[in-house]
Amino acid sequence: MNPARAAVWNARAALLYSLGGWTALGGLIYYSRQENARTEDENDPAANQGLRKEVRVTEYPFGLTVTTEITYREEQPPITRLLRSVVSFFVPDDSPPSEK
C-alpha cells in the first residue's frame, strides 16, 4: 500500500473514532440531564402510572406452549448500570461462577 493511500485510511479511521467518541459523550450528557429532569417529577402521582404488562401465549404443535411476559417500565436504568453491563459483556469477570 502506498503512503498516500495509507494516509487516507488513517484519516477515515480517525474520523470514525472521533465520531464514536463524541456520540458517547453526547449520550452521557443527554441521559444525565434526563435523570435530573425525572427526579423533579417523582412526587407527581400522574407521572407514576406504574408498570404495563403484556402477555403473549404461543402454541406450537405437539402440545408445546410458550408464554412470554413483557413488562414495560417508564423509568430507564441509570446510564452507569447500562455501561457496566455492556463492558461486562466484552470483559469477562475472573471470579468463580455462582453456585445457583
N, C-alpha and C. Protein backbone atom coordinates (compact mmCIF):
# COMPACT_ATOMS: atom_id res chain seq x y z
N MET A 1 0.86 -1.17 0.00
CA MET A 1 0.00 0.00 0.00
C MET A 1 0.91 1.24 0.00
N ASN A 2 0.61 2.15 -0.86
CA ASN A 2 1.46 3.35 -0.93
C ASN A 2 1.12 4.32 0.21
N PRO A 3 2.02 5.22 0.55
CA PRO A 3 1.82 6.11 1.71
C PRO A 3 0.59 7.02 1.59
N ALA A 4 0.24 7.43 0.39
CA ALA A 4 -0.92 8.31 0.23
C ALA A 4 -2.20 7.58 0.59
N ARG A 5 -2.29 6.33 0.13
CA ARG A 5 -3.49 5.55 0.43
C ARG A 5 -3.56 5.20 1.91
N ALA A 6 -2.42 4.95 2.54
CA ALA A 6 -2.40 4.67 3.98
C ALA A 6 -2.83 5.90 4.76
N ALA A 7 -2.45 7.09 4.31
CA ALA A 7 -2.86 8.32 4.99
C ALA A 7 -4.37 8.52 4.90
N VAL A 8 -4.96 8.15 3.76
CA VAL A 8 -6.41 8.27 3.60
C VAL A 8 -7.12 7.32 4.57
N TRP A 9 -6.64 6.09 4.67
CA TRP A 9 -7.25 5.14 5.60
C TRP A 9 -7.06 5.60 7.05
N ASN A 10 -5.94 6.19 7.36
CA ASN A 10 -5.70 6.71 8.70
C ASN A 10 -6.69 7.84 9.01
N ALA A 11 -6.96 8.70 8.04
CA ALA A 11 -7.91 9.79 8.25
C ALA A 11 -9.32 9.24 8.43
N ARG A 12 -9.68 8.21 7.67
CA ARG A 12 -11.02 7.61 7.81
C ARG A 12 -11.18 6.99 9.20
N ALA A 13 -10.17 6.28 9.65
CA ALA A 13 -10.25 5.65 10.98
C ALA A 13 -10.32 6.71 12.07
N ALA A 14 -9.58 7.79 11.94
CA ALA A 14 -9.61 8.86 12.93
C ALA A 14 -10.98 9.52 12.96
N LEU A 15 -11.58 9.71 11.80
CA LEU A 15 -12.92 10.31 11.72
C LEU A 15 -13.94 9.41 12.40
N LEU A 16 -13.88 8.12 12.11
CA LEU A 16 -14.82 7.18 12.70
C LEU A 16 -14.65 7.11 14.22
N TYR A 17 -13.41 7.08 14.68
CA TYR A 17 -13.12 7.04 16.12
C TYR A 17 -13.62 8.30 16.82
N SER A 18 -13.39 9.46 16.22
CA SER A 18 -13.83 10.71 16.85
C SER A 18 -15.35 10.82 16.85
N LEU A 19 -15.99 10.35 15.79
CA LEU A 19 -17.45 10.38 15.74
C LEU A 19 -18.04 9.52 16.86
N GLY A 20 -17.48 8.34 17.08
CA GLY A 20 -17.95 7.48 18.16
C GLY A 20 -17.72 8.09 19.53
N GLY A 21 -16.58 8.72 19.72
CA GLY A 21 -16.30 9.35 21.00
C GLY A 21 -17.25 10.49 21.30
N TRP A 22 -17.50 11.34 20.31
CA TRP A 22 -18.42 12.46 20.53
C TRP A 22 -19.86 11.97 20.72
N THR A 23 -20.22 10.89 20.04
CA THR A 23 -21.56 10.33 20.22
C THR A 23 -21.74 9.80 21.63
N ALA A 24 -20.74 9.09 22.14
CA ALA A 24 -20.82 8.57 23.50
C ALA A 24 -20.88 9.70 24.52
N LEU A 25 -20.08 10.73 24.33
CA LEU A 25 -20.10 11.88 25.23
C LEU A 25 -21.46 12.58 25.19
N GLY A 26 -22.00 12.75 24.00
CA GLY A 26 -23.33 13.37 23.88
C GLY A 26 -24.40 12.54 24.54
N GLY A 27 -24.31 11.21 24.41
CA GLY A 27 -25.28 10.34 25.07
C GLY A 27 -25.21 10.42 26.58
N LEU A 28 -24.00 10.48 27.11
CA LEU A 28 -23.84 10.61 28.56
C LEU A 28 -24.45 11.91 29.07
N ILE A 29 -24.20 13.00 28.37
CA ILE A 29 -24.76 14.28 28.78
C ILE A 29 -26.27 14.27 28.67
N TYR A 30 -26.80 13.72 27.58
CA TYR A 30 -28.25 13.68 27.38
C TYR A 30 -28.93 12.87 28.49
N TYR A 31 -28.43 11.66 28.78
CA TYR A 31 -29.08 10.83 29.78
C TYR A 31 -28.89 11.36 31.20
N SER A 32 -27.80 12.04 31.47
CA SER A 32 -27.65 12.63 32.80
C SER A 32 -28.65 13.75 33.00
N ARG A 33 -28.93 14.51 31.96
CA ARG A 33 -29.96 15.55 32.07
C ARG A 33 -31.35 14.96 32.16
N GLN A 34 -31.60 13.84 31.50
CA GLN A 34 -32.89 13.17 31.60
C GLN A 34 -33.13 12.68 33.03
N GLU A 35 -32.10 12.15 33.68
CA GLU A 35 -32.24 11.69 35.06
C GLU A 35 -32.53 12.85 36.00
N ASN A 36 -31.89 14.00 35.78
CA ASN A 36 -32.15 15.17 36.62
C ASN A 36 -33.58 15.66 36.44
N ALA A 37 -34.10 15.64 35.23
CA ALA A 37 -35.47 16.07 34.99
C ALA A 37 -36.47 15.09 35.59
N ARG A 38 -36.14 13.81 35.61
CA ARG A 38 -37.03 12.80 36.14
C ARG A 38 -37.17 12.92 37.66
N THR A 39 -36.11 13.32 38.37
CA THR A 39 -36.19 13.43 39.83
C THR A 39 -37.14 14.53 40.26
N GLU A 40 -37.35 15.54 39.42
CA GLU A 40 -38.29 16.61 39.76
C GLU A 40 -39.73 16.11 39.71
N ASP A 41 -40.03 15.12 38.87
CA ASP A 41 -41.39 14.63 38.72
C ASP A 41 -41.70 13.40 39.56
N GLU A 42 -40.83 13.00 40.47
CA GLU A 42 -41.06 11.80 41.25
C GLU A 42 -42.25 11.93 42.19
N ASN A 43 -42.53 13.12 42.68
CA ASN A 43 -43.62 13.31 43.63
C ASN A 43 -44.97 13.49 42.94
N ASP A 44 -44.99 13.60 41.64
CA ASP A 44 -46.23 13.78 40.89
C ASP A 44 -46.90 12.42 40.68
N PRO A 45 -48.12 12.19 41.24
CA PRO A 45 -48.76 10.88 41.08
C PRO A 45 -49.17 10.58 39.64
N ALA A 46 -49.42 11.60 38.85
CA ALA A 46 -49.79 11.37 37.45
C ALA A 46 -48.60 10.84 36.65
N ALA A 47 -47.40 11.21 37.05
CA ALA A 47 -46.21 10.75 36.34
C ALA A 47 -45.88 9.30 36.69
N ASN A 48 -46.29 8.83 37.86
CA ASN A 48 -46.00 7.46 38.29
C ASN A 48 -47.21 6.58 38.02
N GLN A 49 -47.36 6.13 36.79
CA GLN A 49 -48.50 5.31 36.43
C GLN A 49 -48.24 3.83 36.65
N GLY A 50 -47.03 3.46 36.91
CA GLY A 50 -46.73 2.07 37.21
C GLY A 50 -46.26 1.30 36.00
N LEU A 51 -46.43 0.00 36.09
CA LEU A 51 -45.94 -0.91 35.06
C LEU A 51 -47.07 -1.28 34.10
N ARG A 52 -46.66 -1.63 32.89
CA ARG A 52 -47.61 -2.13 31.90
C ARG A 52 -47.09 -3.49 31.46
N LYS A 53 -47.92 -4.50 31.58
CA LYS A 53 -47.50 -5.86 31.23
C LYS A 53 -48.25 -6.34 30.01
N GLU A 54 -47.55 -7.12 29.23
CA GLU A 54 -48.13 -7.72 28.04
C GLU A 54 -47.77 -9.20 28.06
N VAL A 55 -48.76 -10.05 27.95
CA VAL A 55 -48.53 -11.49 27.99
C VAL A 55 -48.90 -12.06 26.63
N ARG A 56 -47.96 -12.81 26.05
CA ARG A 56 -48.20 -13.46 24.76
C ARG A 56 -48.07 -14.96 24.95
N VAL A 57 -49.08 -15.68 24.49
CA VAL A 57 -49.07 -17.14 24.57
C VAL A 57 -49.04 -17.67 23.15
N THR A 58 -48.03 -18.47 22.85
CA THR A 58 -47.88 -19.06 21.53
C THR A 58 -47.94 -20.57 21.67
N GLU A 59 -48.83 -21.19 20.89
CA GLU A 59 -48.97 -22.64 20.94
C GLU A 59 -48.38 -23.24 19.67
N TYR A 60 -47.55 -24.24 19.87
CA TYR A 60 -46.91 -24.94 18.77
C TYR A 60 -47.44 -26.37 18.71
N PRO A 61 -47.18 -27.07 17.62
CA PRO A 61 -47.64 -28.47 17.55
C PRO A 61 -47.01 -29.33 18.64
N PHE A 62 -47.59 -30.48 18.88
CA PHE A 62 -47.16 -31.46 19.86
C PHE A 62 -47.30 -30.96 21.29
N GLY A 63 -48.23 -30.04 21.54
CA GLY A 63 -48.53 -29.61 22.89
C GLY A 63 -47.52 -28.65 23.51
N LEU A 64 -46.68 -28.04 22.70
CA LEU A 64 -45.69 -27.10 23.23
C LEU A 64 -46.31 -25.70 23.29
N THR A 65 -46.31 -25.12 24.48
CA THR A 65 -46.87 -23.78 24.69
C THR A 65 -45.78 -22.89 25.27
N VAL A 66 -45.60 -21.72 24.66
CA VAL A 66 -44.61 -20.76 25.12
C VAL A 66 -45.34 -19.51 25.59
N THR A 67 -45.10 -19.11 26.84
CA THR A 67 -45.70 -17.90 27.39
C THR A 67 -44.60 -16.86 27.56
N THR A 68 -44.78 -15.72 26.93
CA THR A 68 -43.81 -14.63 27.02
C THR A 68 -44.47 -13.47 27.74
N GLU A 69 -43.85 -13.00 28.82
CA GLU A 69 -44.37 -11.87 29.57
C GLU A 69 -43.41 -10.70 29.42
N ILE A 70 -43.91 -9.59 28.89
CA ILE A 70 -43.11 -8.40 28.68
C ILE A 70 -43.61 -7.32 29.63
N THR A 71 -42.68 -6.73 30.39
CA THR A 71 -43.02 -5.67 31.33
C THR A 71 -42.38 -4.37 30.85
N TYR A 72 -43.21 -3.37 30.63
CA TYR A 72 -42.73 -2.06 30.21
C TYR A 72 -42.69 -1.15 31.43
N ARG A 73 -41.58 -0.48 31.61
CA ARG A 73 -41.44 0.46 32.72
C ARG A 73 -41.16 1.83 32.15
N GLU A 74 -41.65 2.84 32.84
CA GLU A 74 -41.42 4.21 32.40
C GLU A 74 -39.99 4.66 32.70
N GLU A 75 -39.39 4.09 33.72
CA GLU A 75 -38.04 4.52 34.09
C GLU A 75 -37.02 3.67 33.35
N GLN A 76 -35.97 4.29 32.93
CA GLN A 76 -34.89 3.59 32.27
C GLN A 76 -33.76 3.39 33.27
N PRO A 77 -32.96 2.35 33.07
CA PRO A 77 -31.87 2.13 34.03
C PRO A 77 -30.86 3.26 33.96
N PRO A 78 -30.18 3.53 35.05
CA PRO A 78 -29.15 4.57 35.02
C PRO A 78 -28.07 4.24 34.00
N ILE A 79 -27.49 5.26 33.46
CA ILE A 79 -26.52 5.07 32.39
C ILE A 79 -25.30 4.30 32.89
N THR A 80 -24.96 4.43 34.16
CA THR A 80 -23.79 3.70 34.66
C THR A 80 -24.06 2.20 34.67
N ARG A 81 -25.28 1.79 35.04
CA ARG A 81 -25.61 0.37 35.04
C ARG A 81 -25.61 -0.16 33.61
N LEU A 82 -26.10 0.63 32.68
CA LEU A 82 -26.10 0.23 31.28
C LEU A 82 -24.68 0.07 30.75
N LEU A 83 -23.82 1.02 31.07
CA LEU A 83 -22.43 0.92 30.61
C LEU A 83 -21.71 -0.26 31.25
N ARG A 84 -21.99 -0.53 32.52
CA ARG A 84 -21.35 -1.68 33.18
C ARG A 84 -21.78 -2.99 32.55
N SER A 85 -23.04 -3.10 32.17
CA SER A 85 -23.50 -4.34 31.55
C SER A 85 -22.87 -4.53 30.17
N VAL A 86 -22.67 -3.44 29.44
CA VAL A 86 -22.03 -3.55 28.13
C VAL A 86 -20.56 -3.92 28.30
N VAL A 87 -19.86 -3.29 29.24
CA VAL A 87 -18.45 -3.58 29.46
C VAL A 87 -18.28 -5.00 29.98
N SER A 88 -19.16 -5.46 30.85
CA SER A 88 -19.03 -6.81 31.39
C SER A 88 -19.25 -7.87 30.32
N PHE A 89 -19.95 -7.52 29.25
CA PHE A 89 -20.12 -8.47 28.15
C PHE A 89 -18.80 -8.69 27.42
N PHE A 90 -18.03 -7.63 27.23
CA PHE A 90 -16.78 -7.73 26.49
C PHE A 90 -15.60 -8.11 27.37
N VAL A 91 -15.63 -7.75 28.66
CA VAL A 91 -14.53 -8.05 29.58
C VAL A 91 -15.06 -9.06 30.59
N PRO A 92 -14.68 -10.33 30.45
CA PRO A 92 -15.24 -11.34 31.36
C PRO A 92 -14.72 -11.16 32.77
N ASP A 93 -15.56 -11.53 33.70
CA ASP A 93 -15.20 -11.47 35.12
C ASP A 93 -14.41 -12.73 35.47
N ASP A 94 -13.31 -12.59 36.19
CA ASP A 94 -12.47 -13.72 36.53
C ASP A 94 -12.87 -14.41 37.82
N SER A 95 -13.98 -13.98 38.42
CA SER A 95 -14.41 -14.61 39.67
C SER A 95 -15.01 -15.98 39.37
N PRO A 96 -15.05 -16.86 40.38
CA PRO A 96 -15.62 -18.19 40.15
C PRO A 96 -17.11 -18.08 39.90
N PRO A 97 -17.69 -19.00 39.15
CA PRO A 97 -19.14 -18.92 38.88
C PRO A 97 -19.96 -19.13 40.14
N SER A 98 -21.15 -18.57 40.15
CA SER A 98 -22.01 -18.70 41.32
C SER A 98 -22.52 -20.13 41.41
N GLU A 99 -22.97 -20.52 42.61
CA GLU A 99 -23.40 -21.88 42.84
C GLU A 99 -24.90 -22.04 42.68
N LYS A 100 -25.56 -21.08 42.04
CA LYS A 100 -27.01 -21.16 41.86
C LYS A 100 -27.37 -22.10 40.75
